[in-house]
């Protein structure tokens, strides 16, 4: 990548909705529309309870690189009412190649919620 295509905020090489910073943080190729392949959302059942599970890859060295992976929660699709998300359960396991898999579970009991992963760099 070169010129404006190389900027962290650019998505002009593959137009997959993920900027270059997110592609770097998730371990995808900024010239291929593959970023969505590193995030999955499923409904899982454990102990008789249903959970929304959001799984994504993050760099193992994210702290040293000044990267932050924040989950924001919304009661509806109006982002002005966002708050930092507090999953009911989070687990992290190594996935190889300098990345780890982060799994966040949200109870499906109670009020509906929308969750968004935001990636930033200091």
PDB file of N, CA and C in Angstrom:
ATOM      1  N   UNK A   1       0.850  -1.189   0.000  1.00  0.00           N
ATOM      2  CA  UNK A   1       0.000   0.000   0.000  1.00  0.00           C
ATOM      3  C   UNK A   1       0.880   1.232   0.000  1.00  0.00           C
ATOM      4  N   UNK A   2       0.382   2.278  -0.629  1.00  0.00           N
ATOM      5  CA  UNK A   2       1.139   3.521  -0.668  1.00  0.00           C
ATOM      6  C   UNK A   2       0.182   4.703  -0.679  1.00  0.00           C
ATOM      7  N   UNK A   3       0.743   5.876  -0.428  1.00  0.00           N
ATOM      8  CA  UNK A   3      -0.059   7.095  -0.434  1.00  0.00           C
ATOM      9  C   UNK A   3      -1.190   7.036   0.566  1.00  0.00           C
ATOM     10  N   UNK A   4      -2.332   7.599   0.199  1.00  0.00           N
ATOM     11  CA  UNK A   4      -3.489   7.618   1.095  1.00  0.00           C
ATOM     12  C   UNK A   4      -4.023   6.223   1.405  1.00  0.00           C
ATOM     13  N   UNK A   5      -3.783   5.247   0.514  1.00  0.00           N
ATOM     14  CA  UNK A   5      -4.224   3.876   0.767  1.00  0.00           C
ATOM     15  C   UNK A   5      -3.518   3.258   1.972  1.00  0.00           C
ATOM     16  N   UNK A   6      -2.350   3.800   2.355  1.00  0.00           N
ATOM     17  CA  UNK A   6      -1.577   3.250   3.465  1.00  0.00           C
ATOM     18  C   UNK A   6      -1.951   3.873   4.810  1.00  0.00           C
ATOM     19  N   UNK A   7      -2.818   4.877   4.820  1.00  0.00           N
ATOM     20  CA  UNK A   7      -3.200   5.507   6.090  1.00  0.00           C
ATOM     21  C   UNK A   7      -3.980   4.530   6.965  1.00  0.00           C
ATOM     22  N   UNK A   8      -3.790   4.588   8.306  1.00  0.00           N
ATOM     23  CA  UNK A   8      -4.524   3.682   9.198  1.00  0.00           C
ATOM     24  C   UNK A   8      -6.040   3.748   9.032  1.00  0.00           C
ATOM     25  N   UNK A   9      -6.573   4.905   8.671  1.00  0.00           N
ATOM     26  CA  UNK A   9      -8.026   5.070   8.563  1.00  0.00           C
ATOM     27  C   UNK A   9      -8.579   4.700   7.184  1.00  0.00           C
ATOM     28  N   UNK A  10      -7.711   4.330   6.245  1.00  0.00           N
ATOM     29  CA  UNK A  10      -8.145   4.050   4.879  1.00  0.00           C
ATOM     30  C   UNK A  10      -8.711   2.635   4.725  1.00  0.00           C
ATOM     31  N   UNK A  11      -9.741   2.523   3.912  1.00  0.00           N
ATOM     32  CA  UNK A  11     -10.292   1.223   3.509  1.00  0.00           C
ATOM     33  C   UNK A  11     -10.417   1.190   1.990  1.00  0.00           C
ATOM     34  N   UNK A  12      -9.607   1.988   1.319  1.00  0.00           N
ATOM     35  CA  UNK A  12      -9.779   2.158  -0.120  1.00  0.00           C
ATOM     36  C   UNK A  12      -9.143   1.052  -0.959  1.00  0.00           C
ATOM     37  N   UNK A  13      -8.474   0.087  -0.346  1.00  0.00           N
ATOM     38  CA  UNK A  13      -7.868  -0.987  -1.131  1.00  0.00           C
ATOM     39  C   UNK A  13      -8.816  -2.161  -1.359  1.00  0.00           C
ATOM     40  N   UNK A  14      -9.659  -2.480  -0.355  1.00  0.00           N
ATOM     41  CA  UNK A  14     -10.538  -3.641  -0.520  1.00  0.00           C
ATOM     42  C   UNK A  14     -12.005  -3.344  -0.210  1.00  0.00           C
ATOM     43  N   UNK A  15     -12.285  -2.179   0.343  1.00  0.00           N
ATOM     44  CA  UNK A  15     -13.660  -1.726   0.613  1.00  0.00           C
ATOM     45  C   UNK A  15     -14.504  -2.758   1.373  1.00  0.00           C
ATOM     46  N   UNK A  16     -13.906  -3.390   2.390  1.00  0.00           N
ATOM     47  CA  UNK A  16     -14.659  -4.388   3.150  1.00  0.00           C
ATOM     48  C   UNK A  16     -15.260  -3.827   4.441  1.00  0.00           C
ATOM     49  N   UNK A  17     -15.129  -2.519   4.646  1.00  0.00           N
ATOM     50  CA  UNK A  17     -15.709  -1.901   5.837  1.00  0.00           C
ATOM     51  C   UNK A  17     -14.777  -1.876   7.027  1.00  0.00           C
ATOM     52  N   UNK A  18     -13.568  -2.402   6.878  1.00  0.00           N
ATOM     53  CA  UNK A  18     -12.572  -2.399   7.948  1.00  0.00           C
ATOM     54  C   UNK A  18     -11.390  -1.558   7.487  1.00  0.00           C
ATOM     55  N   UNK A  19     -11.011  -0.552   8.285  1.00  0.00           N
ATOM     56  CA  UNK A  19      -9.876   0.276   7.884  1.00  0.00           C
ATOM     57  C   UNK A  19      -8.565  -0.492   8.102  1.00  0.00           C
ATOM     58  N   UNK A  20      -7.458   0.082   7.635  1.00  0.00           N
ATOM     59  CA  UNK A  20      -6.164  -0.589   7.707  1.00  0.00           C
ATOM     60  C   UNK A  20      -5.759  -0.915   9.141  1.00  0.00           C
ATOM     61  N   UNK A  21      -6.068  -0.038  10.085  1.00  0.00           N
ATOM     62  CA  UNK A  21      -5.733  -0.309  11.482  1.00  0.00           C
ATOM     63  C   UNK A  21      -6.472  -1.547  11.974  1.00  0.00           C
ATOM     64  N   UNK A  22      -7.757  -1.654  11.679  1.00  0.00           N
ATOM     65  CA  UNK A  22      -8.535  -2.830  12.093  1.00  0.00           C
ATOM     66  C   UNK A  22      -7.996  -4.090  11.415  1.00  0.00           C
ATOM     67  N   UNK A  23      -7.641  -3.987  10.143  1.00  0.00           N
ATOM     68  CA  UNK A  23      -7.095  -5.146   9.431  1.00  0.00           C
ATOM     69  C   UNK A  23      -5.781  -5.597  10.080  1.00  0.00           C
ATOM     70  N   UNK A  24      -4.915  -4.665  10.436  1.00  0.00           N
ATOM     71  CA  UNK A  24      -3.658  -4.978  11.120  1.00  0.00           C
ATOM     72  C   UNK A  24      -3.946  -5.629  12.473  1.00  0.00           C
ATOM     73  N   UNK A  25      -4.887  -5.068  13.219  1.00  0.00           N
ATOM     74  CA  UNK A  25      -5.206  -5.554  14.555  1.00  0.00           C
ATOM     75  C   UNK A  25      -5.865  -6.926  14.533  1.00  0.00           C
ATOM     76  N   UNK A  26      -6.623  -7.237  13.477  1.00  0.00           N
ATOM     77  CA  UNK A  26      -7.335  -8.516  13.379  1.00  0.00           C
ATOM     78  C   UNK A  26      -6.553  -9.579  12.595  1.00  0.00           C
ATOM     79  N   UNK A  27      -5.453  -9.164  11.967  1.00  0.00           N
ATOM     80  CA  UNK A  27      -4.629 -10.123  11.225  1.00  0.00           C
ATOM     81  C   UNK A  27      -5.142 -10.459   9.854  1.00  0.00           C
ATOM     82  N   UNK A  28      -5.737  -9.493   9.184  1.00  0.00           N
ATOM     83  CA  UNK A  28      -6.248  -9.733   7.840  1.00  0.00           C
ATOM     84  C   UNK A  28      -5.465  -8.917   6.821  1.00  0.00           C
ATOM     85  N   UNK A  29      -5.756  -9.104   5.559  1.00  0.00           N
ATOM     86  CA  UNK A  29      -5.036  -8.473   4.461  1.00  0.00           C
ATOM     87  C   UNK A  29      -5.810  -7.246   3.980  1.00  0.00           C
ATOM     88  N   UNK A  30      -5.203  -6.051   4.047  1.00  0.00           N
ATOM     89  CA  UNK A  30      -5.922  -4.842   3.632  1.00  0.00           C
ATOM     90  C   UNK A  30      -6.178  -4.742   2.128  1.00  0.00           C
ATOM     91  N   UNK A  31      -5.654  -5.685   1.354  1.00  0.00           N
ATOM     92  CA  UNK A  31      -5.920  -5.670  -0.087  1.00  0.00           C
ATOM     93  C   UNK A  31      -6.943  -6.726  -0.489  1.00  0.00           C
ATOM     94  N   UNK A  32      -7.471  -7.475   0.498  1.00  0.00           N
ATOM     95  CA  UNK A  32      -8.491  -8.493   0.228  1.00  0.00           C
ATOM     96  C   UNK A  32      -9.664  -8.280   1.178  1.00  0.00           C
ATOM     97  N   UNK A  33     -10.862  -8.487   0.707  1.00  0.00           N
ATOM     98  CA  UNK A  33     -12.065  -8.304   1.535  1.00  0.00           C
ATOM     99  C   UNK A  33     -12.261  -9.513   2.445  1.00  0.00           C
ATOM    100  N   UNK A  34     -11.352  -9.643   3.434  1.00  0.00           N
ATOM    101  CA  UNK A  34     -11.374 -10.806   4.309  1.00  0.00           C
ATOM    102  C   UNK A  34     -11.523 -10.466   5.795  1.00  0.00           C
ATOM    103  N   UNK A  35     -11.648  -9.197   6.135  1.00  0.00           N
ATOM    104  CA  UNK A  35     -11.644  -8.794   7.546  1.00  0.00           C
ATOM    105  C   UNK A  35     -12.792  -9.402   8.336  1.00  0.00           C
ATOM    106  N   UNK A  36     -13.953  -9.522   7.736  1.00  0.00           N
ATOM    107  CA  UNK A  36     -15.091 -10.096   8.442  1.00  0.00           C
ATOM    108  C   UNK A  36     -14.886 -11.554   8.823  1.00  0.00           C
ATOM    109  N   UNK A  37     -13.903 -12.220   8.214  1.00  0.00           N
ATOM    110  CA  UNK A  37     -13.651 -13.627   8.525  1.00  0.00           C
ATOM    111  C   UNK A  37     -13.033 -13.812   9.905  1.00  0.00           C
ATOM    112  N   UNK A  38     -12.564 -12.748  10.538  1.00  0.00           N
ATOM    113  CA  UNK A  38     -11.921 -12.853  11.846  1.00  0.00           C
ATOM    114  C   UNK A  38     -12.858 -12.514  12.994  1.00  0.00           C
ATOM    115  N   UNK A  39     -14.108 -12.238  12.710  1.00  0.00           N
ATOM    116  CA  UNK A  39     -15.094 -11.938  13.743  1.00  0.00           C
ATOM    117  C   UNK A  39     -16.290 -12.857  13.524  1.00  0.00           C
ATOM    118  N   UNK A  40     -16.729 -13.514  14.591  1.00  0.00           N
ATOM    119  CA  UNK A  40     -17.909 -14.354  14.449  1.00  0.00           C
ATOM    120  C   UNK A  40     -18.888 -14.062  15.582  1.00  0.00           C
ATOM    121  N   UNK A  41     -20.157 -14.238  15.282  1.00  0.00           N
ATOM    122  CA  UNK A  41     -21.225 -14.056  16.264  1.00  0.00           C
ATOM    123  C   UNK A  41     -22.102 -15.294  16.201  1.00  0.00           C
ATOM    124  N   UNK A  42     -22.328 -15.901  17.361  1.00  0.00           N
ATOM    125  CA  UNK A  42     -23.143 -17.112  17.440  1.00  0.00           C
ATOM    126  C   UNK A  42     -24.013 -17.056  18.689  1.00  0.00           C
ATOM    127  N   UNK A  43     -24.999 -17.916  18.732  1.00  0.00           N
ATOM    128  CA  UNK A  43     -25.782 -18.125  19.943  1.00  0.00           C
ATOM    129  C   UNK A  43     -25.357 -19.474  20.501  1.00  0.00           C
ATOM    130  N   UNK A  44     -24.926 -19.491  21.761  1.00  0.00           N
ATOM    131  CA  UNK A  44     -24.496 -20.728  22.407  1.00  0.00           C
ATOM    132  C   UNK A  44     -25.356 -20.968  23.642  1.00  0.00           C
ATOM    133  N   UNK A  45     -25.509 -22.236  23.985  1.00  0.00           N
ATOM    134  CA  UNK A  45     -26.274 -22.610  25.168  1.00  0.00           C
ATOM    135  C   UNK A  45     -25.340 -23.304  26.144  1.00  0.00           C
ATOM    136  N   UNK A  46     -25.378 -22.851  27.384  1.00  0.00           N
ATOM    137  CA  UNK A  46     -24.559 -23.459  28.430  1.00  0.00           C
ATOM    138  C   UNK A  46     -25.345 -23.443  29.730  1.00  0.00           C
ATOM    139  N   UNK A  47     -25.442 -24.570  30.380  1.00  0.00           N
ATOM    140  CA  UNK A  47     -26.162 -24.646  31.647  1.00  0.00           C
ATOM    141  C   UNK A  47     -27.620 -24.238  31.532  1.00  0.00           C
ATOM    142  N   UNK A  48     -28.239 -24.472  30.383  1.00  0.00           N
ATOM    143  CA  UNK A  48     -29.639 -24.124  30.191  1.00  0.00           C
ATOM    144  C   UNK A  48     -29.882 -22.659  29.856  1.00  0.00           C
ATOM    145  N   UNK A  49     -28.813 -21.858  29.750  1.00  0.00           N
ATOM    146  CA  UNK A  49     -28.955 -20.437  29.404  1.00  0.00           C
ATOM    147  C   UNK A  49     -28.412 -20.185  28.007  1.00  0.00           C
ATOM    148  N   UNK A  50     -29.038 -19.249  27.301  1.00  0.00           N
ATOM    149  CA  UNK A  50     -28.581 -18.856  25.966  1.00  0.00           C
ATOM    150  C   UNK A  50     -27.719 -17.606  26.062  1.00  0.00           C
ATOM    151  N   UNK A  51     -26.645 -17.604  25.277  1.00  0.00           N
ATOM    152  CA  UNK A  51     -25.717 -16.473  25.245  1.00  0.00           C
ATOM    153  C   UNK A  51     -25.445 -16.060  23.806  1.00  0.00           C
ATOM    154  N   UNK A  52     -25.281 -14.772  23.597  1.00  0.00           N
ATOM    155  CA  UNK A  52     -24.746 -14.246  22.352  1.00  0.00           C
ATOM    156  C   UNK A  52     -23.235 -14.269  22.533  1.00  0.00           C
ATOM    157  N   UNK A  53     -22.528 -14.903  21.611  1.00  0.00           N
ATOM    158  CA  UNK A  53     -21.071 -15.013  21.727  1.00  0.00           C
ATOM    159  C   UNK A  53     -20.408 -14.283  20.569  1.00  0.00           C
ATOM    160  N   UNK A  54     -19.547 -13.341  20.896  1.00  0.00           N
ATOM    161  CA  UNK A  54     -18.776 -12.574  19.920  1.00  0.00           C
ATOM    162  C   UNK A  54     -17.321 -12.991  20.062  1.00  0.00           C
ATOM    163  N   UNK A  55     -16.731 -13.485  18.973  1.00  0.00           N
ATOM    164  CA  UNK A  55     -15.350 -13.962  18.987  1.00  0.00           C
ATOM    165  C   UNK A  55     -14.553 -13.199  17.937  1.00  0.00           C
ATOM    166  N   UNK A  56     -13.348 -12.749  18.318  1.00  0.00           N
ATOM    167  CA  UNK A  56     -12.467 -12.068  17.370  1.00  0.00           C
ATOM    168  C   UNK A  56     -11.022 -12.381  17.712  1.00  0.00           C
ATOM    169  N   UNK A  57     -10.139 -12.189  16.733  1.00  0.00           N
ATOM    170  CA  UNK A  57      -8.703 -12.355  16.963  1.00  0.00           C
ATOM    171  C   UNK A  57      -8.113 -10.997  17.310  1.00  0.00           C
ATOM    172  N   UNK A  58      -7.148 -11.015  18.236  1.00  0.00           N
ATOM    173  CA  UNK A  58      -6.398  -9.792  18.523  1.00  0.00           C
ATOM    174  C   UNK A  58      -4.923 -10.148  18.599  1.00  0.00           C
ATOM    175  N   UNK A  59      -4.102  -9.169  18.327  1.00  0.00           N
ATOM    176  CA  UNK A  59      -2.659  -9.360  18.364  1.00  0.00           C
ATOM    177  C   UNK A  59      -2.219  -9.665  19.790  1.00  0.00           C
ATOM    178  N   UNK A  60      -1.328 -10.633  19.946  1.00  0.00           N
ATOM    179  CA  UNK A  60      -0.801 -10.975  21.269  1.00  0.00           C
ATOM    180  C   UNK A  60       0.011  -9.830  21.854  1.00  0.00           C
ATOM    181  N   UNK A  61       0.605  -9.009  21.006  1.00  0.00           N
ATOM    182  CA  UNK A  61       1.427  -7.880  21.459  1.00  0.00           C
ATOM    183  C   UNK A  61       0.666  -6.555  21.414  1.00  0.00           C
ATOM    184  N   UNK A  62      -0.666  -6.599  21.544  1.00  0.00           N
ATOM    185  CA  UNK A  62      -1.488  -5.388  21.394  1.00  0.00           C
ATOM    186  C   UNK A  62      -1.114  -4.302  22.396  1.00  0.00           C
ATOM    187  N   UNK A  63      -0.744  -4.673  23.614  1.00  0.00           N
ATOM    188  CA  UNK A  63      -0.381  -3.670  24.629  1.00  0.00           C
ATOM    189  C   UNK A  63       0.863  -2.910  24.202  1.00  0.00           C
ATOM    190  N   UNK A  64       1.896  -3.632  23.769  1.00  0.00           N
ATOM    191  CA  UNK A  64       3.146  -2.994  23.334  1.00  0.00           C
ATOM    192  C   UNK A  64       2.938  -2.089  22.128  1.00  0.00           C
ATOM    193  N   UNK A  65       1.981  -2.436  21.289  1.00  0.00           N
ATOM    194  CA  UNK A  65       1.692  -1.648  20.082  1.00  0.00           C
ATOM    195  C   UNK A  65       0.728  -0.497  20.341  1.00  0.00           C
ATOM    196  N   UNK A  66       0.226  -0.379  21.571  1.00  0.00           N
ATOM    197  CA  UNK A  66      -0.715   0.690  21.902  1.00  0.00           C
ATOM    198  C   UNK A  66      -2.098   0.483  21.314  1.00  0.00           C
ATOM    199  N   UNK A  67      -2.441  -0.778  21.003  1.00  0.00           N
ATOM    200  CA  UNK A  67      -3.758  -1.074  20.441  1.00  0.00           C
ATOM    201  C   UNK A  67      -4.762  -1.337  21.551  1.00  0.00           C
ATOM    202  N   UNK A  68      -5.979  -0.890  21.342  1.00  0.00           N
ATOM    203  CA  UNK A  68      -7.059  -1.220  22.275  1.00  0.00           C
ATOM    204  C   UNK A  68      -8.225  -1.786  21.478  1.00  0.00           C
ATOM    205  N   UNK A  69      -8.814  -2.823  22.035  1.00  0.00           N
ATOM    206  CA  UNK A  69      -9.971  -3.502  21.462  1.00  0.00           C
ATOM    207  C   UNK A  69     -11.099  -3.283  22.465  1.00  0.00           C
ATOM    208  N   UNK A  70     -12.020  -2.410  22.141  1.00  0.00           N
ATOM    209  CA  UNK A  70     -13.093  -2.088  23.074  1.00  0.00           C
ATOM    210  C   UNK A  70     -14.434  -2.511  22.503  1.00  0.00           C
ATOM    211  N   UNK A  71     -15.239  -3.093  23.364  1.00  0.00           N
ATOM    212  CA  UNK A  71     -16.597  -3.455  22.989  1.00  0.00           C
ATOM    213  C   UNK A  71     -17.531  -2.405  23.563  1.00  0.00           C
ATOM    214  N   UNK A  72     -18.390  -1.873  22.701  1.00  0.00           N
ATOM    215  CA  UNK A  72     -19.395  -0.902  23.128  1.00  0.00           C
ATOM    216  C   UNK A  72     -20.769  -1.535  22.989  1.00  0.00           C
ATOM    217  N   UNK A  73     -21.618  -1.198  23.908  1.00  0.00           N
ATOM    218  CA  UNK A  73     -22.966  -1.751  23.969  1.00  0.00           C
ATOM    219  C   UNK A  73     -23.974  -0.633  23.730  1.00  0.00           C
ATOM    220  N   UNK A  74     -25.002  -0.949  22.954  1.00  0.00           N
ATOM    221  CA  UNK A  74     -26.047   0.011  22.635  1.00  0.00           C
ATOM    222  C   UNK A  74     -27.400  -0.616  22.941  1.00  0.00           C
ATOM    223  N   UNK A  75     -28.336   0.127  23.518  1.00  0.00           N
ATOM    224  CA  UNK A  75     -29.675  -0.420  23.753  1.00  0.00           C
ATOM    225  C   UNK A  75     -30.495  -0.481  22.461  1.00  0.00           C
ATOM    226  N   UNK A  76     -30.062   0.265  21.445  1.00  0.00           N
ATOM    227  CA  UNK A  76     -30.724   0.285  20.148  1.00  0.00           C
ATOM    228  C   UNK A  76     -29.656   0.622  19.111  1.00  0.00           C
ATOM    229  N   UNK A  77     -30.039   0.930  17.919  1.00  0.00           N
ATOM    230  CA  UNK A  77     -29.048   1.207  16.874  1.00  0.00           C
ATOM    231  C   UNK A  77     -28.635   2.673  16.787  1.00  0.00           C
ATOM    232  N   UNK A  78     -28.960   3.451  17.798  1.00  0.00           N
ATOM    233  CA  UNK A  78     -28.527   4.855  17.867  1.00  0.00           C
ATOM    234  C   UNK A  78     -27.256   4.889  18.698  1.00  0.00           C
ATOM    235  N   UNK A  79     -26.132   5.111  18.061  1.00  0.00           N
ATOM    236  CA  UNK A  79     -24.845   5.008  18.737  1.00  0.00           C
ATOM    237  C   UNK A  79     -24.594   6.076  19.789  1.00  0.00           C
ATOM    238  N   UNK A  80     -25.412   7.097  19.882  1.00  0.00           N
ATOM    239  CA  UNK A  80     -25.180   8.142  20.882  1.00  0.00           C
ATOM    240  C   UNK A  80     -25.446   7.648  22.296  1.00  0.00           C
ATOM    241  N   UNK A  81     -26.120   6.507  22.449  1.00  0.00           N
ATOM    242  CA  UNK A  81     -26.425   5.957  23.762  1.00  0.00           C
ATOM    243  C   UNK A  81     -25.459   4.841  24.143  1.00  0.00           C
ATOM    244  N   UNK A  82     -24.246   4.870  23.635  1.00  0.00           N
ATOM    245  CA  UNK A  82     -23.294   3.783  23.853  1.00  0.00           C
ATOM    246  C   UNK A  82     -22.674   3.830  25.239  1.00  0.00           C
ATOM    247  N   UNK A  83     -22.327   2.649  25.724  1.00  0.00           N
ATOM    248  CA  UNK A  83     -21.546   2.519  26.950  1.00  0.00           C
ATOM    249  C   UNK A  83     -20.548   1.399  26.728  1.00  0.00           C
ATOM    250  N   UNK A  84     -19.470   1.409  27.496  1.00  0.00           N
ATOM    251  CA  UNK A  84     -18.496   0.332  27.372  1.00  0.00           C
ATOM    252  C   UNK A  84     -19.176  -0.956  27.807  1.00  0.00           C
ATOM    253  N   UNK A  85     -18.987  -1.980  27.022  1.00  0.00           N
ATOM    254  CA  UNK A  85     -19.680  -3.247  27.225  1.00  0.00           C
ATOM    255  C   UNK A  85     -19.038  -4.070  28.337  1.00  0.00           C
ATOM    256  N   UNK A  86     -19.878  -4.736  29.088  1.00  0.00           N
ATOM    257  CA  UNK A  86     -19.427  -5.633  30.145  1.00  0.00           C
ATOM    258  C   UNK A  86     -19.980  -7.021  29.859  1.00  0.00           C
ATOM    259  N   UNK A  87     -19.208  -7.859  29.140  1.00  0.00           N
ATOM    260  CA  UNK A  87     -19.689  -9.207  28.849  1.00  0.00           C
ATOM    261  C   UNK A  87     -19.898 -10.001  30.139  1.00  0.00           C
ATOM    262  N   UNK A  88     -20.779 -10.983  30.075  1.00  0.00           N
ATOM    263  CA  UNK A  88     -20.987 -11.865  31.221  1.00  0.00           C
ATOM    264  C   UNK A  88     -19.802 -12.801  31.411  1.00  0.00           C
ATOM    265  N   UNK A  89     -19.089 -13.076  30.326  1.00  0.00           N
ATOM    266  CA  UNK A  89     -17.936 -13.973  30.395  1.00  0.00           C
ATOM    267  C   UNK A  89     -16.983 -13.643  29.253  1.00  0.00           C
ATOM    268  N   UNK A  90     -15.682 -13.605  29.535  1.00  0.00           N
ATOM    269  CA  UNK A  90     -14.658 -13.382  28.519  1.00  0.00           C
ATOM    270  C   UNK A  90     -13.573 -14.430  28.684  1.00  0.00           C
ATOM    271  N   UNK A  91     -13.123 -15.004  27.580  1.00  0.00           N
ATOM    272  CA  UNK A  91     -11.988 -15.925  27.631  1.00  0.00           C
ATOM    273  C   UNK A  91     -11.015 -15.574  26.515  1.00  0.00           C
ATOM    274  N   UNK A  92      -9.735 -15.853  26.762  1.00  0.00           N
ATOM    275  CA  UNK A  92      -8.681 -15.577  25.792  1.00  0.00           C
ATOM    276  C   UNK A  92      -7.812 -16.829  25.680  1.00  0.00           C
ATOM    277  N   UNK A  93      -7.615 -17.298  24.441  1.00  0.00           N
ATOM    278  CA  UNK A  93      -6.753 -18.458  24.204  1.00  0.00           C
ATOM    279  C   UNK A  93      -5.815 -18.148  23.040  1.00  0.00           C
ATOM    280  N   UNK A  94      -4.557 -18.613  23.115  1.00  0.00           N
ATOM    281  CA  UNK A  94      -3.630 -18.394  21.993  1.00  0.00           C
ATOM    282  C   UNK A  94      -4.156 -19.062  20.731  1.00  0.00           C
ATOM    283  N   UNK A  95      -3.968 -18.399  19.582  1.00  0.00           N
ATOM    284  CA  UNK A  95      -4.415 -18.993  18.319  1.00  0.00           C
ATOM    285  C   UNK A  95      -3.276 -19.112  17.313  1.00  0.00           C
ATOM    286  N   UNK A  96      -2.062 -18.743  17.702  1.00  0.00           N
ATOM    287  CA  UNK A  96      -0.903 -18.889  16.831  1.00  0.00           C
ATOM    288  C   UNK A  96      -0.670 -17.686  15.937  1.00  0.00           C
ATOM    289  N   UNK A  97       0.511 -17.607  15.395  1.00  0.00           N
ATOM    290  CA  UNK A  97       0.866 -16.544  14.468  1.00  0.00           C
ATOM    291  C   UNK A  97       0.879 -15.166  15.082  1.00  0.00           C
ATOM    292  N   UNK A  98       1.057 -15.073  16.416  1.00  0.00           N
ATOM    293  CA  UNK A  98       1.088 -13.775  17.084  1.00  0.00           C
ATOM    294  C   UNK A  98      -0.286 -13.232  17.435  1.00  0.00           C
ATOM    295  N   UNK A  99      -1.311 -14.091  17.384  1.00  0.00           N
ATOM    296  CA  UNK A  99      -2.680 -13.676  17.697  1.00  0.00           C
ATOM    297  C   UNK A  99      -3.278 -14.562  18.781  1.00  0.00           C
ATOM    298  N   UNK A 100      -4.307 -14.064  19.406  1.00  0.00           N
ATOM    299  CA  UNK A 100      -5.083 -14.822  20.379  1.00  0.00           C
ATOM    300  C   UNK A 100      -6.556 -14.634  20.069  1.00  0.00           C
ATOM    301  N   UNK A 101      -7.353 -15.638  20.445  1.00  0.00           N
ATOM    302  CA  UNK A 101      -8.783 -15.582  20.191  1.00  0.00           C
ATOM    303  C   UNK A 101      -9.494 -15.105  21.460  1.00  0.00           C
ATOM    304  N   UNK A 102     -10.278 -14.053  21.302  1.00  0.00           N
ATOM    305  CA  UNK A 102     -11.010 -13.477  22.426  1.00  0.00           C
ATOM    306  C   UNK A 102     -12.486 -13.793  22.229  1.00  0.00           C
ATOM    307  N   UNK A 103     -13.076 -14.413  23.233  1.00  0.00           N
ATOM    308  CA  UNK A 103     -14.488 -14.790  23.182  1.00  0.00           C
ATOM    309  C   UNK A 103     -15.243 -14.051  24.285  1.00  0.00           C
ATOM    310  N   UNK A 104     -16.308 -13.367  23.912  1.00  0.00           N
ATOM    311  CA  UNK A 104     -17.136 -12.613  24.863  1.00  0.00           C
ATOM    312  C   UNK A 104     -18.559 -13.135  24.791  1.00  0.00           C
ATOM    313  N   UNK A 105     -19.129 -13.434  25.955  1.00  0.00           N
ATOM    314  CA  UNK A 105     -20.507 -13.933  25.996  1.00  0.00           C
ATOM    315  C   UNK A 105     -21.397 -12.947  26.730  1.00  0.00           C
ATOM    316  N   UNK A 106     -22.606 -12.793  26.178  1.00  0.00           N
ATOM    317  CA  UNK A 106     -23.622 -11.915  26.751  1.00  0.00           C
ATOM    318  C   UNK A 106     -24.885 -12.724  26.978  1.00  0.00           C
ATOM    319  N   UNK A 107     -25.426 -12.639  28.176  1.00  0.00           N
ATOM    320  CA  UNK A 107     -26.676 -13.309  28.475  1.00  0.00           C
ATOM    321  C   UNK A 107     -27.772 -12.764  27.577  1.00  0.00           C
ATOM    322  N   UNK A 108     -28.624 -13.642  27.094  1.00  0.00           N
ATOM    323  CA  UNK A 108     -29.726 -13.209  26.245  1.00  0.00           C
ATOM    324  C   UNK A 108     -30.990 -12.955  27.056  1.00  0.00           C
ATOM    325  N   UNK A 109     -30.866 -12.989  28.374  1.00  0.00           N
ATOM    326  CA  UNK A 109     -31.986 -12.635  29.240  1.00  0.00           C
ATOM    327  C   UNK A 109     -31.981 -11.128  29.438  1.00  0.00           C
ATOM    328  N   UNK A 110     -33.127 -10.530  29.575  1.00  0.00           N
ATOM    329  CA  UNK A 110     -33.187  -9.089  29.816  1.00  0.00           C
ATOM    330  C   UNK A 110     -33.357  -8.289  28.545  1.00  0.00           C
ATOM    331  N   UNK A 111     -32.896  -7.047  28.599  1.00  0.00           N
ATOM    332  CA  UNK A 111     -33.072  -6.095  27.505  1.00  0.00           C
ATOM    333  C   UNK A 111     -32.207  -6.450  26.305  1.00  0.00           C
ATOM    334  N   UNK A 112     -32.735  -6.225  25.090  1.00  0.00           N
ATOM    335  CA  UNK A 112     -31.904  -6.431  23.892  1.00  0.00           C
ATOM    336  C   UNK A 112     -30.719  -5.477  23.909  1.00  0.00           C
ATOM    337  N   UNK A 113     -29.632  -5.892  23.287  1.00  0.00           N
ATOM    338  CA  UNK A 113     -28.461  -5.024  23.186  1.00  0.00           C
ATOM    339  C   UNK A 113     -27.741  -5.271  21.878  1.00  0.00           C
ATOM    340  N   UNK A 114     -27.043  -4.265  21.448  1.00  0.00           N
ATOM    341  CA  UNK A 114     -26.237  -4.319  20.246  1.00  0.00           C
ATOM    342  C   UNK A 114     -24.801  -4.075  20.680  1.00  0.00           C
ATOM    343  N   UNK A 115     -23.867  -4.845  20.129  1.00  0.00           N
ATOM    344  CA  UNK A 115     -22.462  -4.760  20.532  1.00  0.00           C
ATOM    345  C   UNK A 115     -21.622  -4.428  19.312  1.00  0.00           C
ATOM    346  N   UNK A 116     -20.644  -3.533  19.503  1.00  0.00           N
ATOM    347  CA  UNK A 116     -19.757  -3.132  18.418  1.00  0.00           C
ATOM    348  C   UNK A 116     -18.312  -3.185  18.904  1.00  0.00           C
ATOM    349  N   UNK A 117     -17.441  -3.797  18.131  1.00  0.00           N
ATOM    350  CA  UNK A 117     -16.012  -3.841  18.437  1.00  0.00           C
ATOM    351  C   UNK A 117     -15.349  -2.613  17.815  1.00  0.00           C
ATOM    352  N   UNK A 118     -14.638  -1.849  18.638  1.00  0.00           N
ATOM    353  CA  UNK A 118     -13.902  -0.672  18.178  1.00  0.00           C
ATOM    354  C   UNK A 118     -12.425  -0.895  18.451  1.00  0.00           C
ATOM    355  N   UNK A 119     -11.590  -0.638  17.454  1.00  0.00           N
ATOM    356  CA  UNK A 119     -10.151  -0.803  17.591  1.00  0.00           C
ATOM    357  C   UNK A 119      -9.498   0.570  17.429  1.00  0.00           C
ATOM    358  N   UNK A 120      -8.608   0.894  18.357  1.00  0.00           N
ATOM    359  CA  UNK A 120      -7.920   2.188  18.323  1.00  0.00           C
ATOM    360  C   UNK A 120      -6.437   1.978  18.645  1.00  0.00           C
ATOM    361  N   UNK A 121      -5.630   2.971  18.326  1.00  0.00           N
ATOM    362  CA  UNK A 121      -4.209   2.929  18.651  1.00  0.00           C
ATOM    363  C   UNK A 121      -3.809   4.250  19.279  1.00  0.00           C
ATOM    364  N   UNK A 122      -3.086   4.152  20.391  1.00  0.00           N
ATOM    365  CA  UNK A 122      -2.621   5.375  21.098  1.00  0.00           C
ATOM    366  C   UNK A 122      -1.608   6.119  20.284  1.00  0.00           C
TER     367      UNK A 122
END
